[in-house]
Amino acid sequence: MRIAVFDLDGTITRRDTLLPYLLGWRRRHARTGYYGQAFGAMLHFVADRDRGRLKSALIRAAMSGVTRDEVERWTAEYVASIVKGELCPGALAAIARHRAAGDRLVLLSASVDLYVPHIGRSLAFDETICTEVAWIDGRLDGGLVTENRRAEEKRRCVEALRARHPGVAITAYGNAGSDFPHFAVADEATLVNAGPRMRRKAERLGYRTEEWRGQPH
């Protein structure tokens, strides 16, 4: 058995998943002041480059105060649309290969637990690790209760996986330079769906490169 660790956005899916999730909710539930709050969050990000703070601010602007039942209903609709039309064929093929080999499938994403675990379950992953958000008295707060699961934090997550499964080889898949920190502690890694410059960098570091957005061979 191996552990196969898959990134989500741009690796399994063709694009980012959080902004479409929030914008889809906002289209169905107009909220006064949303764009002003979102713009303010972007200005703060330009100054501090804190992606976790930006993520939390955008969630709060769009959805703070929403009940769990409301989130669950929207999440079910959103995940159904993702699974129907936004998954990369090459990712599905790789997931199927690892499942057939008896490997443990782990979805590791910086996106949030409002919907990422639902995607993991729909694709029959064994485990999902993602950024977790806060609830207060049954209503969504939107603050982060874990570190933003990106870059060095993903590295720590993979190291924790290795500690829980000593002696088991780890294969990692991602699509961006921010995945290189956890690639470095995997036994093998593959960069997918990347541009020429990033592919060359990955190859210099000894990682494989593949294109997953077209039809699998």
N, C-alpha and C. Protein backbone atom coordinates (compact mmCIF):
# COMPACT_ATOMS: atom_id res chain seq x y z
N MET A 1 0.83 -1.20 0.00
CA MET A 1 0.00 0.00 0.00
C MET A 1 0.86 1.25 0.00
N ARG A 2 0.44 2.24 -0.75
CA ARG A 2 1.02 3.57 -0.72
C ARG A 2 -0.04 4.54 -0.23
N ILE A 3 0.37 5.74 0.13
CA ILE A 3 -0.56 6.84 0.38
C ILE A 3 -0.47 7.79 -0.80
N ALA A 4 -1.59 8.05 -1.45
CA ALA A 4 -1.64 8.97 -2.58
C ALA A 4 -2.32 10.26 -2.13
N VAL A 5 -1.56 11.34 -2.12
CA VAL A 5 -2.04 12.64 -1.63
C VAL A 5 -2.34 13.54 -2.83
N PHE A 6 -3.58 13.94 -2.96
CA PHE A 6 -4.01 14.78 -4.08
C PHE A 6 -4.40 16.16 -3.60
N ASP A 7 -3.85 17.19 -4.22
CA ASP A 7 -4.36 18.55 -4.12
C ASP A 7 -5.72 18.60 -4.83
N LEU A 8 -6.50 19.64 -4.55
CA LEU A 8 -7.83 19.76 -5.18
C LEU A 8 -7.84 20.78 -6.31
N ASP A 9 -7.72 22.07 -5.97
CA ASP A 9 -7.92 23.15 -6.95
C ASP A 9 -6.83 23.14 -8.02
N GLY A 10 -7.22 22.98 -9.26
CA GLY A 10 -6.28 22.98 -10.37
C GLY A 10 -5.60 21.64 -10.58
N THR A 11 -5.82 20.70 -9.67
CA THR A 11 -5.24 19.36 -9.79
C THR A 11 -6.33 18.35 -10.12
N ILE A 12 -7.30 18.20 -9.22
CA ILE A 12 -8.47 17.38 -9.51
C ILE A 12 -9.50 18.19 -10.27
N THR A 13 -9.72 19.42 -9.85
CA THR A 13 -10.65 20.31 -10.56
C THR A 13 -9.87 21.15 -11.57
N ARG A 14 -10.59 21.69 -12.52
CA ARG A 14 -9.94 22.49 -13.57
C ARG A 14 -9.53 23.86 -13.07
N ARG A 15 -10.11 24.33 -11.97
CA ARG A 15 -9.85 25.70 -11.51
C ARG A 15 -10.12 25.79 -10.02
N ASP A 16 -9.97 27.00 -9.50
CA ASP A 16 -10.26 27.29 -8.10
C ASP A 16 -11.70 26.90 -7.76
N THR A 17 -11.93 26.51 -6.51
CA THR A 17 -13.28 26.13 -6.10
C THR A 17 -13.91 27.08 -5.09
N LEU A 18 -13.11 27.83 -4.32
CA LEU A 18 -13.70 28.64 -3.25
C LEU A 18 -14.47 29.84 -3.79
N LEU A 19 -13.88 30.62 -4.68
CA LEU A 19 -14.58 31.81 -5.17
C LEU A 19 -15.88 31.44 -5.88
N PRO A 20 -15.90 30.43 -6.76
CA PRO A 20 -17.20 30.05 -7.34
C PRO A 20 -18.22 29.61 -6.28
N TYR A 21 -17.75 28.96 -5.22
CA TYR A 21 -18.66 28.56 -4.13
C TYR A 21 -19.29 29.79 -3.49
N LEU A 22 -18.47 30.78 -3.16
CA LEU A 22 -18.97 31.98 -2.51
C LEU A 22 -19.84 32.82 -3.44
N LEU A 23 -19.42 32.96 -4.69
CA LEU A 23 -20.19 33.76 -5.64
C LEU A 23 -21.51 33.09 -5.99
N GLY A 24 -21.50 31.75 -6.06
CA GLY A 24 -22.75 31.04 -6.30
C GLY A 24 -23.74 31.24 -5.18
N TRP A 25 -23.24 31.23 -3.95
CA TRP A 25 -24.12 31.51 -2.81
C TRP A 25 -24.66 32.94 -2.89
N ARG A 26 -23.77 33.89 -3.19
CA ARG A 26 -24.19 35.30 -3.21
C ARG A 26 -25.24 35.56 -4.29
N ARG A 27 -25.11 34.90 -5.43
CA ARG A 27 -26.11 35.08 -6.49
C ARG A 27 -27.49 34.64 -6.03
N ARG A 28 -27.53 33.67 -5.14
CA ARG A 28 -28.82 33.16 -4.65
C ARG A 28 -29.29 33.89 -3.41
N HIS A 29 -28.37 34.60 -2.72
CA HIS A 29 -28.69 35.26 -1.46
C HIS A 29 -27.98 36.61 -1.44
N ALA A 30 -28.60 37.60 -2.03
CA ALA A 30 -27.99 38.93 -2.08
C ALA A 30 -27.74 39.46 -0.67
N ARG A 31 -26.60 40.13 -0.50
CA ARG A 31 -26.24 40.65 0.82
C ARG A 31 -25.68 42.06 0.66
N THR A 32 -26.29 43.01 1.36
CA THR A 32 -25.84 44.40 1.30
C THR A 32 -24.41 44.51 1.84
N GLY A 33 -23.60 45.21 1.10
CA GLY A 33 -22.23 45.47 1.55
C GLY A 33 -21.22 44.41 1.17
N TYR A 34 -21.65 43.36 0.45
CA TYR A 34 -20.73 42.27 0.14
C TYR A 34 -19.53 42.77 -0.67
N TYR A 35 -19.80 43.50 -1.74
CA TYR A 35 -18.70 43.90 -2.61
C TYR A 35 -17.73 44.85 -1.90
N GLY A 36 -18.26 45.73 -1.05
CA GLY A 36 -17.38 46.61 -0.30
C GLY A 36 -16.48 45.85 0.64
N GLN A 37 -17.04 44.86 1.34
CA GLN A 37 -16.23 44.04 2.24
C GLN A 37 -15.20 43.22 1.47
N ALA A 38 -15.62 42.66 0.33
CA ALA A 38 -14.70 41.85 -0.47
C ALA A 38 -13.55 42.72 -1.01
N PHE A 39 -13.89 43.93 -1.46
CA PHE A 39 -12.85 44.83 -1.96
C PHE A 39 -11.88 45.21 -0.85
N GLY A 40 -12.41 45.47 0.34
CA GLY A 40 -11.54 45.79 1.48
C GLY A 40 -10.61 44.63 1.81
N ALA A 41 -11.15 43.40 1.73
CA ALA A 41 -10.32 42.22 1.99
C ALA A 41 -9.19 42.11 0.98
N MET A 42 -9.48 42.41 -0.28
CA MET A 42 -8.44 42.36 -1.30
C MET A 42 -7.36 43.41 -1.05
N LEU A 43 -7.77 44.59 -0.62
CA LEU A 43 -6.78 45.63 -0.32
C LEU A 43 -5.87 45.20 0.83
N HIS A 44 -6.44 44.59 1.86
CA HIS A 44 -5.62 44.09 2.95
C HIS A 44 -4.65 43.02 2.45
N PHE A 45 -5.11 42.18 1.53
CA PHE A 45 -4.24 41.12 1.02
C PHE A 45 -3.06 41.70 0.25
N VAL A 46 -3.29 42.76 -0.51
CA VAL A 46 -2.19 43.40 -1.23
C VAL A 46 -1.12 43.87 -0.25
N ALA A 47 -1.57 44.31 0.93
CA ALA A 47 -0.62 44.82 1.92
C ALA A 47 0.08 43.70 2.70
N ASP A 48 -0.69 42.67 3.12
CA ASP A 48 -0.07 41.69 4.02
C ASP A 48 0.18 40.31 3.40
N ARG A 49 -0.39 40.05 2.22
CA ARG A 49 -0.21 38.77 1.50
C ARG A 49 -0.62 37.56 2.33
N ASP A 50 -1.55 37.77 3.26
CA ASP A 50 -2.01 36.69 4.14
C ASP A 50 -3.22 36.01 3.50
N ARG A 51 -2.99 34.88 2.86
CA ARG A 51 -4.08 34.20 2.14
C ARG A 51 -5.14 33.65 3.10
N GLY A 52 -4.73 33.24 4.28
CA GLY A 52 -5.71 32.76 5.25
C GLY A 52 -6.64 33.86 5.69
N ARG A 53 -6.10 35.03 5.97
CA ARG A 53 -6.94 36.16 6.37
C ARG A 53 -7.88 36.57 5.24
N LEU A 54 -7.38 36.57 4.01
CA LEU A 54 -8.22 36.89 2.86
C LEU A 54 -9.36 35.89 2.74
N LYS A 55 -9.04 34.61 2.86
CA LYS A 55 -10.05 33.55 2.75
C LYS A 55 -11.15 33.76 3.78
N SER A 56 -10.76 33.99 5.03
CA SER A 56 -11.72 34.19 6.10
C SER A 56 -12.59 35.42 5.83
N ALA A 57 -11.97 36.50 5.39
CA ALA A 57 -12.73 37.73 5.15
C ALA A 57 -13.76 37.55 4.03
N LEU A 58 -13.40 36.84 2.98
CA LEU A 58 -14.34 36.62 1.87
C LEU A 58 -15.49 35.73 2.31
N ILE A 59 -15.21 34.70 3.11
CA ILE A 59 -16.27 33.84 3.61
C ILE A 59 -17.22 34.64 4.50
N ARG A 60 -16.66 35.45 5.38
CA ARG A 60 -17.50 36.26 6.27
C ARG A 60 -18.34 37.25 5.48
N ALA A 61 -17.76 37.87 4.47
CA ALA A 61 -18.52 38.84 3.67
C ALA A 61 -19.71 38.19 2.98
N ALA A 62 -19.53 36.97 2.51
CA ALA A 62 -20.59 36.31 1.73
C ALA A 62 -21.57 35.53 2.58
N MET A 63 -21.09 34.89 3.69
CA MET A 63 -21.91 33.86 4.31
C MET A 63 -21.99 33.89 5.83
N SER A 64 -21.41 34.85 6.49
CA SER A 64 -21.44 34.83 7.95
C SER A 64 -22.88 34.84 8.45
N GLY A 65 -23.13 34.03 9.49
CA GLY A 65 -24.47 33.95 10.08
C GLY A 65 -25.37 32.91 9.47
N VAL A 66 -24.93 32.26 8.42
CA VAL A 66 -25.74 31.24 7.73
C VAL A 66 -25.81 29.98 8.59
N THR A 67 -26.95 29.29 8.58
CA THR A 67 -27.09 28.08 9.39
C THR A 67 -26.44 26.88 8.70
N ARG A 68 -26.21 25.83 9.48
CA ARG A 68 -25.63 24.61 8.93
C ARG A 68 -26.53 24.00 7.87
N ASP A 69 -27.83 24.00 8.10
CA ASP A 69 -28.75 23.43 7.11
C ASP A 69 -28.67 24.18 5.78
N GLU A 70 -28.58 25.50 5.85
CA GLU A 70 -28.47 26.29 4.62
C GLU A 70 -27.17 25.98 3.89
N VAL A 71 -26.09 25.87 4.65
CA VAL A 71 -24.79 25.55 4.03
C VAL A 71 -24.84 24.16 3.40
N GLU A 72 -25.42 23.20 4.10
CA GLU A 72 -25.48 21.83 3.57
C GLU A 72 -26.27 21.78 2.26
N ARG A 73 -27.37 22.51 2.19
CA ARG A 73 -28.17 22.48 0.95
C ARG A 73 -27.40 23.09 -0.21
N TRP A 74 -26.75 24.22 0.01
CA TRP A 74 -25.97 24.84 -1.07
C TRP A 74 -24.76 23.98 -1.44
N THR A 75 -24.11 23.41 -0.43
CA THR A 75 -22.94 22.57 -0.70
C THR A 75 -23.31 21.37 -1.56
N ALA A 76 -24.43 20.72 -1.27
CA ALA A 76 -24.85 19.58 -2.07
C ALA A 76 -25.05 19.97 -3.53
N GLU A 77 -25.66 21.12 -3.75
CA GLU A 77 -25.87 21.60 -5.13
C GLU A 77 -24.54 21.93 -5.80
N TYR A 78 -23.66 22.61 -5.06
CA TYR A 78 -22.38 23.02 -5.63
C TYR A 78 -21.50 21.82 -5.96
N VAL A 79 -21.40 20.88 -5.04
CA VAL A 79 -20.54 19.72 -5.27
C VAL A 79 -21.06 18.90 -6.45
N ALA A 80 -22.37 18.79 -6.58
CA ALA A 80 -22.92 18.06 -7.73
C ALA A 80 -22.48 18.70 -9.03
N SER A 81 -22.43 20.04 -9.07
CA SER A 81 -22.00 20.72 -10.30
C SER A 81 -20.51 20.52 -10.55
N ILE A 82 -19.71 20.49 -9.48
CA ILE A 82 -18.27 20.25 -9.62
C ILE A 82 -18.03 18.85 -10.18
N VAL A 83 -18.66 17.86 -9.58
CA VAL A 83 -18.44 16.48 -10.00
C VAL A 83 -18.93 16.25 -11.42
N LYS A 84 -19.97 16.96 -11.82
CA LYS A 84 -20.53 16.78 -13.15
C LYS A 84 -19.66 17.38 -14.24
N GLY A 85 -19.06 18.56 -13.99
CA GLY A 85 -18.41 19.22 -15.11
C GLY A 85 -17.05 19.83 -14.90
N GLU A 86 -16.49 19.74 -13.67
CA GLU A 86 -15.26 20.48 -13.40
C GLU A 86 -14.06 19.60 -13.06
N LEU A 87 -14.19 18.29 -13.19
CA LEU A 87 -13.09 17.41 -12.81
C LEU A 87 -12.19 17.09 -14.00
N CYS A 88 -10.90 17.03 -13.75
CA CYS A 88 -9.94 16.71 -14.81
C CYS A 88 -9.94 15.21 -15.08
N PRO A 89 -10.09 14.79 -16.33
CA PRO A 89 -10.09 13.35 -16.64
C PRO A 89 -8.83 12.63 -16.16
N GLY A 90 -7.69 13.28 -16.30
CA GLY A 90 -6.45 12.65 -15.85
C GLY A 90 -6.43 12.42 -14.35
N ALA A 91 -7.05 13.31 -13.59
CA ALA A 91 -7.13 13.13 -12.14
C ALA A 91 -7.99 11.93 -11.80
N LEU A 92 -9.13 11.82 -12.47
CA LEU A 92 -10.01 10.68 -12.22
C LEU A 92 -9.31 9.37 -12.55
N ALA A 93 -8.53 9.37 -13.62
CA ALA A 93 -7.79 8.16 -13.99
C ALA A 93 -6.74 7.81 -12.95
N ALA A 94 -6.03 8.82 -12.43
CA ALA A 94 -5.01 8.57 -11.42
C ALA A 94 -5.64 8.07 -10.12
N ILE A 95 -6.75 8.68 -9.72
CA ILE A 95 -7.46 8.23 -8.52
C ILE A 95 -7.88 6.77 -8.68
N ALA A 96 -8.40 6.44 -9.85
CA ALA A 96 -8.84 5.05 -10.10
C ALA A 96 -7.67 4.08 -10.03
N ARG A 97 -6.51 4.49 -10.57
CA ARG A 97 -5.33 3.60 -10.54
C ARG A 97 -4.90 3.32 -9.10
N HIS A 98 -4.85 4.37 -8.30
CA HIS A 98 -4.43 4.18 -6.91
C HIS A 98 -5.45 3.35 -6.14
N ARG A 99 -6.72 3.58 -6.39
CA ARG A 99 -7.74 2.79 -5.70
C ARG A 99 -7.63 1.32 -6.08
N ALA A 100 -7.41 1.06 -7.37
CA ALA A 100 -7.28 -0.33 -7.83
C ALA A 100 -6.06 -1.01 -7.22
N ALA A 101 -5.02 -0.23 -6.93
CA ALA A 101 -3.80 -0.79 -6.34
C ALA A 101 -3.91 -0.98 -4.83
N GLY A 102 -5.04 -0.55 -4.25
CA GLY A 102 -5.23 -0.69 -2.82
C GLY A 102 -4.58 0.40 -2.00
N ASP A 103 -4.24 1.53 -2.65
CA ASP A 103 -3.58 2.63 -1.94
C ASP A 103 -4.59 3.44 -1.12
N ARG A 104 -4.08 4.13 -0.12
CA ARG A 104 -4.90 5.02 0.70
C ARG A 104 -4.97 6.38 0.01
N LEU A 105 -6.18 6.86 -0.25
CA LEU A 105 -6.39 8.12 -0.96
C LEU A 105 -6.63 9.25 0.04
N VAL A 106 -5.81 10.31 -0.05
CA VAL A 106 -5.93 11.45 0.85
C VAL A 106 -6.10 12.72 0.01
N LEU A 107 -7.16 13.45 0.28
CA LEU A 107 -7.39 14.75 -0.37
C LEU A 107 -6.86 15.82 0.57
N LEU A 108 -5.88 16.60 0.11
CA LEU A 108 -5.22 17.62 0.93
C LEU A 108 -5.37 18.97 0.23
N SER A 109 -6.17 19.85 0.81
CA SER A 109 -6.53 21.09 0.11
C SER A 109 -6.49 22.29 1.04
N ALA A 110 -6.07 23.43 0.49
CA ALA A 110 -6.17 24.69 1.21
C ALA A 110 -7.60 25.22 1.23
N SER A 111 -8.46 24.70 0.38
CA SER A 111 -9.85 25.13 0.40
C SER A 111 -10.54 24.60 1.65
N VAL A 112 -11.79 25.03 1.88
CA VAL A 112 -12.36 24.92 3.23
C VAL A 112 -13.31 23.74 3.40
N ASP A 113 -13.54 23.42 4.68
CA ASP A 113 -14.35 22.26 5.01
C ASP A 113 -15.86 22.50 4.87
N LEU A 114 -16.25 23.65 4.34
CA LEU A 114 -17.66 23.84 3.99
C LEU A 114 -18.07 22.87 2.88
N TYR A 115 -17.10 22.53 2.00
CA TYR A 115 -17.45 21.66 0.87
C TYR A 115 -16.38 20.64 0.49
N VAL A 116 -15.13 20.86 0.86
CA VAL A 116 -14.07 19.93 0.42
C VAL A 116 -14.32 18.49 0.89
N PRO A 117 -14.72 18.25 2.15
CA PRO A 117 -15.00 16.86 2.54
C PRO A 117 -16.11 16.21 1.71
N HIS A 118 -17.08 17.00 1.27
CA HIS A 118 -18.15 16.47 0.42
C HIS A 118 -17.58 16.00 -0.93
N ILE A 119 -16.64 16.78 -1.48
CA ILE A 119 -15.99 16.36 -2.72
C ILE A 119 -15.19 15.09 -2.47
N GLY A 120 -14.48 15.05 -1.35
CA GLY A 120 -13.71 13.85 -1.02
C GLY A 120 -14.59 12.61 -0.93
N ARG A 121 -15.75 12.75 -0.28
CA ARG A 121 -16.66 11.60 -0.17
C ARG A 121 -17.21 11.21 -1.53
N SER A 122 -17.52 12.18 -2.35
CA SER A 122 -18.09 11.86 -3.67
C SER A 122 -17.09 11.12 -4.54
N LEU A 123 -15.79 11.31 -4.30
CA LEU A 123 -14.74 10.63 -5.07
C LEU A 123 -14.16 9.44 -4.31
N ALA A 124 -14.78 9.09 -3.19
CA ALA A 124 -14.40 7.92 -2.39
C ALA A 124 -12.97 8.01 -1.85
N PHE A 125 -12.55 9.22 -1.42
CA PHE A 125 -11.27 9.34 -0.74
C PHE A 125 -11.39 8.73 0.66
N ASP A 126 -10.29 8.21 1.14
CA ASP A 126 -10.26 7.63 2.48
C ASP A 126 -10.17 8.69 3.57
N GLU A 127 -9.58 9.84 3.23
CA GLU A 127 -9.35 10.88 4.23
C GLU A 127 -9.30 12.23 3.52
N THR A 128 -9.83 13.25 4.19
CA THR A 128 -9.74 14.61 3.67
C THR A 128 -9.12 15.50 4.73
N ILE A 129 -8.11 16.27 4.33
CA ILE A 129 -7.48 17.26 5.19
C ILE A 129 -7.60 18.60 4.48
N CYS A 130 -8.24 19.58 5.13
CA CYS A 130 -8.43 20.87 4.48
C CYS A 130 -8.51 21.97 5.54
N THR A 131 -8.61 23.20 5.11
CA THR A 131 -8.73 24.33 6.03
C THR A 131 -10.11 24.30 6.68
N GLU A 132 -10.13 24.45 8.00
CA GLU A 132 -11.38 24.37 8.74
C GLU A 132 -11.83 25.75 9.19
N VAL A 133 -13.16 25.96 9.15
CA VAL A 133 -13.72 27.26 9.50
C VAL A 133 -14.56 27.17 10.77
N ALA A 134 -14.78 28.32 11.40
CA ALA A 134 -15.44 28.38 12.70
C ALA A 134 -16.95 28.55 12.57
N TRP A 135 -17.66 27.94 13.53
CA TRP A 135 -19.10 28.11 13.70
C TRP A 135 -19.35 28.60 15.13
N ILE A 136 -20.35 29.43 15.30
CA ILE A 136 -20.74 29.90 16.63
C ILE A 136 -22.24 29.69 16.80
N ASP A 137 -22.60 28.87 17.77
CA ASP A 137 -24.01 28.59 18.07
C ASP A 137 -24.78 28.15 16.82
N GLY A 138 -24.15 27.26 16.03
CA GLY A 138 -24.83 26.71 14.87
C GLY A 138 -24.87 27.59 13.65
N ARG A 139 -24.19 28.72 13.70
CA ARG A 139 -24.14 29.62 12.54
C ARG A 139 -22.70 29.86 12.12
N LEU A 140 -22.52 30.03 10.83
CA LEU A 140 -21.17 30.16 10.29
C LEU A 140 -20.55 31.49 10.71
N ASP A 141 -19.36 31.40 11.29
CA ASP A 141 -18.58 32.59 11.61
C ASP A 141 -17.63 32.91 10.45
N GLY A 142 -16.88 31.91 9.99
CA GLY A 142 -15.99 32.12 8.85
C GLY A 142 -14.54 32.31 9.21
N GLY A 143 -14.24 32.52 10.50
CA GLY A 143 -12.84 32.54 10.91
C GLY A 143 -12.22 31.16 10.71
N LEU A 144 -10.91 31.12 10.62
CA LEU A 144 -10.22 29.85 10.43
C LEU A 144 -9.83 29.26 11.78
N VAL A 145 -10.11 27.97 11.96
CA VAL A 145 -9.75 27.31 13.22
C VAL A 145 -8.55 26.39 13.03
N THR A 146 -8.04 26.30 11.82
CA THR A 146 -6.75 25.65 11.56
C THR A 146 -5.90 26.64 10.78
N GLU A 147 -4.65 26.30 10.59
CA GLU A 147 -3.83 27.06 9.64
C GLU A 147 -4.40 26.87 8.24
N ASN A 148 -4.16 27.85 7.39
CA ASN A 148 -4.50 27.71 5.98
C ASN A 148 -3.65 26.58 5.41
N ARG A 149 -4.28 25.52 4.90
CA ARG A 149 -3.55 24.32 4.50
C ARG A 149 -2.86 24.51 3.14
N ARG A 150 -1.83 25.33 3.16
CA ARG A 150 -1.12 25.69 1.93
C ARG A 150 0.38 25.70 2.20
N ALA A 151 1.16 25.42 1.17
CA ALA A 151 2.62 25.58 1.22
C ALA A 151 3.22 24.81 2.41
N GLU A 152 3.88 25.52 3.34
CA GLU A 152 4.55 24.84 4.44
C GLU A 152 3.57 24.09 5.34
N GLU A 153 2.33 24.57 5.44
CA GLU A 153 1.34 23.86 6.24
C GLU A 153 0.99 22.52 5.60
N LYS A 154 0.94 22.47 4.26
CA LYS A 154 0.75 21.18 3.60
C LYS A 154 1.92 20.24 3.89
N ARG A 155 3.09 20.80 3.92
CA ARG A 155 4.27 19.97 4.26
C ARG A 155 4.09 19.34 5.64
N ARG A 156 3.64 20.14 6.61
CA ARG A 156 3.44 19.60 7.95
C ARG A 156 2.36 18.52 7.95
N CYS A 157 1.34 18.70 7.14
CA CYS A 157 0.28 17.69 7.06
C CYS A 157 0.81 16.37 6.51
N VAL A 158 1.67 16.45 5.49
CA VAL A 158 2.24 15.22 4.92
C VAL A 158 3.19 14.57 5.92
N GLU A 159 3.95 15.37 6.64
CA GLU A 159 4.82 14.81 7.67
C GLU A 159 4.01 14.11 8.75
N ALA A 160 2.84 14.67 9.09
CA ALA A 160 1.97 14.03 10.08
C ALA A 160 1.40 12.72 9.54
N LEU A 161 1.08 12.69 8.25
CA LEU A 161 0.63 11.45 7.64
C LEU A 161 1.71 10.37 7.74
N ARG A 162 2.94 10.76 7.47
CA ARG A 162 4.04 9.78 7.54
C ARG A 162 4.21 9.27 8.96
N ALA A 163 4.05 10.15 9.93
CA ALA A 163 4.19 9.72 11.32
C ALA A 163 3.09 8.74 11.71
N ARG A 164 1.89 8.93 11.14
CA ARG A 164 0.77 8.02 11.43
C ARG A 164 0.88 6.70 10.68
N HIS A 165 1.64 6.71 9.57
CA HIS A 165 1.76 5.51 8.72
C HIS A 165 3.24 5.23 8.45
N PRO A 166 4.00 4.90 9.48
CA PRO A 166 5.46 4.71 9.28
C PRO A 166 5.75 3.59 8.30
N GLY A 167 6.71 3.86 7.44
CA GLY A 167 7.13 2.85 6.48
C GLY A 167 6.31 2.78 5.22
N VAL A 168 5.24 3.59 5.12
CA VAL A 168 4.39 3.59 3.93
C VAL A 168 4.84 4.70 2.99
N ALA A 169 5.08 4.37 1.73
CA ALA A 169 5.52 5.38 0.75
C ALA A 169 4.39 6.34 0.43
N ILE A 170 4.76 7.60 0.18
CA ILE A 170 3.79 8.65 -0.11
C ILE A 170 4.03 9.19 -1.51
N THR A 171 2.97 9.23 -2.30
CA THR A 171 2.98 9.84 -3.63
C THR A 171 2.11 11.10 -3.57
N ALA A 172 2.60 12.22 -4.09
CA ALA A 172 1.87 13.49 -4.01
C ALA A 172 1.62 14.05 -5.40
N TYR A 173 0.45 14.68 -5.55
CA TYR A 173 0.07 15.35 -6.79
C TYR A 173 -0.38 16.78 -6.47
N GLY A 174 0.11 17.73 -7.27
CA GLY A 174 -0.30 19.12 -7.11
C GLY A 174 -0.11 19.86 -8.42
N ASN A 175 -0.47 21.14 -8.42
CA ASN A 175 -0.43 21.88 -9.68
C ASN A 175 0.34 23.19 -9.63
N ALA A 176 0.95 23.51 -8.47
CA ALA A 176 1.54 24.84 -8.34
C ALA A 176 2.84 24.79 -7.55
N GLY A 177 3.61 25.86 -7.64
CA GLY A 177 4.83 25.95 -6.88
C GLY A 177 4.60 25.87 -5.38
N SER A 178 3.43 26.30 -4.92
CA SER A 178 3.12 26.21 -3.49
C SER A 178 2.97 24.77 -3.02
N ASP A 179 2.92 23.82 -3.96
CA ASP A 179 2.89 22.40 -3.58
C ASP A 179 4.29 21.81 -3.42
N PHE A 180 5.32 22.52 -3.84
CA PHE A 180 6.67 21.97 -3.76
C PHE A 180 7.11 21.66 -2.32
N PRO A 181 6.73 22.45 -1.31
CA PRO A 181 7.16 22.09 0.05
C PRO A 181 6.70 20.69 0.48
N HIS A 182 5.46 20.31 0.16
CA HIS A 182 5.06 18.96 0.57
C HIS A 182 5.53 17.91 -0.43
N PHE A 183 5.78 18.30 -1.67
CA PHE A 183 6.45 17.38 -2.60
C PHE A 183 7.79 16.93 -2.03
N ALA A 184 8.49 17.87 -1.38
CA ALA A 184 9.84 17.60 -0.91
C ALA A 184 9.89 16.51 0.15
N VAL A 185 8.79 16.27 0.86
CA VAL A 185 8.80 15.25 1.91
C VAL A 185 8.02 14.01 1.48
N ALA A 186 7.56 13.98 0.22
CA ALA A 186 6.94 12.77 -0.33
C ALA A 186 8.03 11.89 -0.96
N ASP A 187 7.71 10.63 -1.18
CA ASP A 187 8.66 9.73 -1.83
C ASP A 187 8.70 9.94 -3.34
N GLU A 188 7.58 10.35 -3.91
CA GLU A 188 7.56 10.75 -5.32
C GLU A 188 6.44 11.76 -5.50
N ALA A 189 6.59 12.62 -6.50
CA ALA A 189 5.63 13.70 -6.69
C ALA A 189 5.47 13.99 -8.17
N THR A 190 4.27 14.47 -8.50
CA THR A 190 3.95 14.81 -9.88
C THR A 190 3.25 16.16 -9.92
N LEU A 191 3.79 17.08 -10.71
CA LEU A 191 3.16 18.37 -10.96
C LEU A 191 2.28 18.25 -12.19
N VAL A 192 1.03 18.68 -12.07
CA VAL A 192 0.09 18.53 -13.18
C VAL A 192 -0.46 19.89 -13.59
N ASN A 193 -0.87 19.97 -14.86
CA ASN A 193 -1.61 21.12 -15.39
C ASN A 193 -0.85 22.44 -15.24
N ALA A 194 0.46 22.39 -15.26
CA ALA A 194 1.27 23.59 -15.04
C ALA A 194 1.78 24.14 -16.37
N GLY A 195 2.20 25.41 -16.34
CA GLY A 195 2.77 26.04 -17.51
C GLY A 195 4.21 25.61 -17.72
N PRO A 196 4.81 25.99 -18.88
CA PRO A 196 6.16 25.53 -19.23
C PRO A 196 7.22 25.88 -18.19
N ARG A 197 7.21 27.09 -17.67
CA ARG A 197 8.25 27.48 -16.71
C ARG A 197 8.17 26.64 -15.44
N MET A 198 6.94 26.43 -14.93
CA MET A 198 6.79 25.65 -13.71
C MET A 198 7.13 24.18 -13.95
N ARG A 199 6.80 23.68 -15.15
CA ARG A 199 7.18 22.30 -15.47
C ARG A 199 8.70 22.14 -15.47
N ARG A 200 9.40 23.09 -16.06
CA ARG A 200 10.86 23.00 -16.09
C ARG A 200 11.44 23.03 -14.69
N LYS A 201 10.88 23.87 -13.82
CA LYS A 201 11.36 23.93 -12.44
C LYS A 201 11.12 22.60 -11.74
N ALA A 202 9.91 22.03 -11.93
CA ALA A 202 9.59 20.74 -11.31
C ALA A 202 10.55 19.66 -11.78
N GLU A 203 10.82 19.65 -13.07
CA GLU A 203 11.71 18.61 -13.61
C GLU A 203 13.13 18.76 -13.08
N ARG A 204 13.59 20.01 -12.89
CA ARG A 204 14.92 20.22 -12.31
C ARG A 204 14.99 19.67 -10.88
N LEU A 205 13.85 19.71 -10.18
CA LEU A 205 13.80 19.22 -8.81
C LEU A 205 13.54 17.72 -8.74
N GLY A 206 13.37 17.10 -9.90
CA GLY A 206 13.19 15.65 -9.93
C GLY A 206 11.76 15.17 -9.85
N TYR A 207 10.80 16.08 -10.08
CA TYR A 207 9.40 15.70 -10.05
C TYR A 207 8.89 15.43 -11.47
N ARG A 208 7.97 14.49 -11.58
CA ARG A 208 7.34 14.24 -12.88
C ARG A 208 6.36 15.35 -13.20
N THR A 209 6.02 15.49 -14.47
CA THR A 209 5.00 16.46 -14.88
C THR A 209 4.01 15.76 -15.82
N GLU A 210 2.74 16.11 -15.67
CA GLU A 210 1.70 15.53 -16.51
C GLU A 210 0.62 16.58 -16.76
N GLU A 211 -0.13 16.37 -17.84
CA GLU A 211 -1.28 17.21 -18.16
C GLU A 211 -2.55 16.38 -17.95
N TRP A 212 -3.43 16.84 -17.08
CA TRP A 212 -4.62 16.08 -16.70
C TRP A 212 -5.92 16.67 -17.22
N ARG A 213 -5.87 17.83 -17.83
CA ARG A 213 -7.14 18.49 -18.18
C ARG A 213 -7.79 17.94 -19.43
N GLY A 214 -7.02 17.29 -20.31
CA GLY A 214 -7.59 16.68 -21.51
C GLY A 214 -8.08 15.28 -21.22
N GLN A 215 -8.37 14.55 -22.26
CA GLN A 215 -8.81 13.16 -22.11
C GLN A 215 -7.63 12.29 -21.71
N PRO A 216 -7.80 11.35 -20.76
CA PRO A 216 -6.70 10.48 -20.38
C PRO A 216 -6.32 9.55 -21.51
N HIS A 217 -5.03 9.18 -21.59
CA HIS A 217 -4.56 8.29 -22.65
C HIS A 217 -4.91 6.84 -22.30
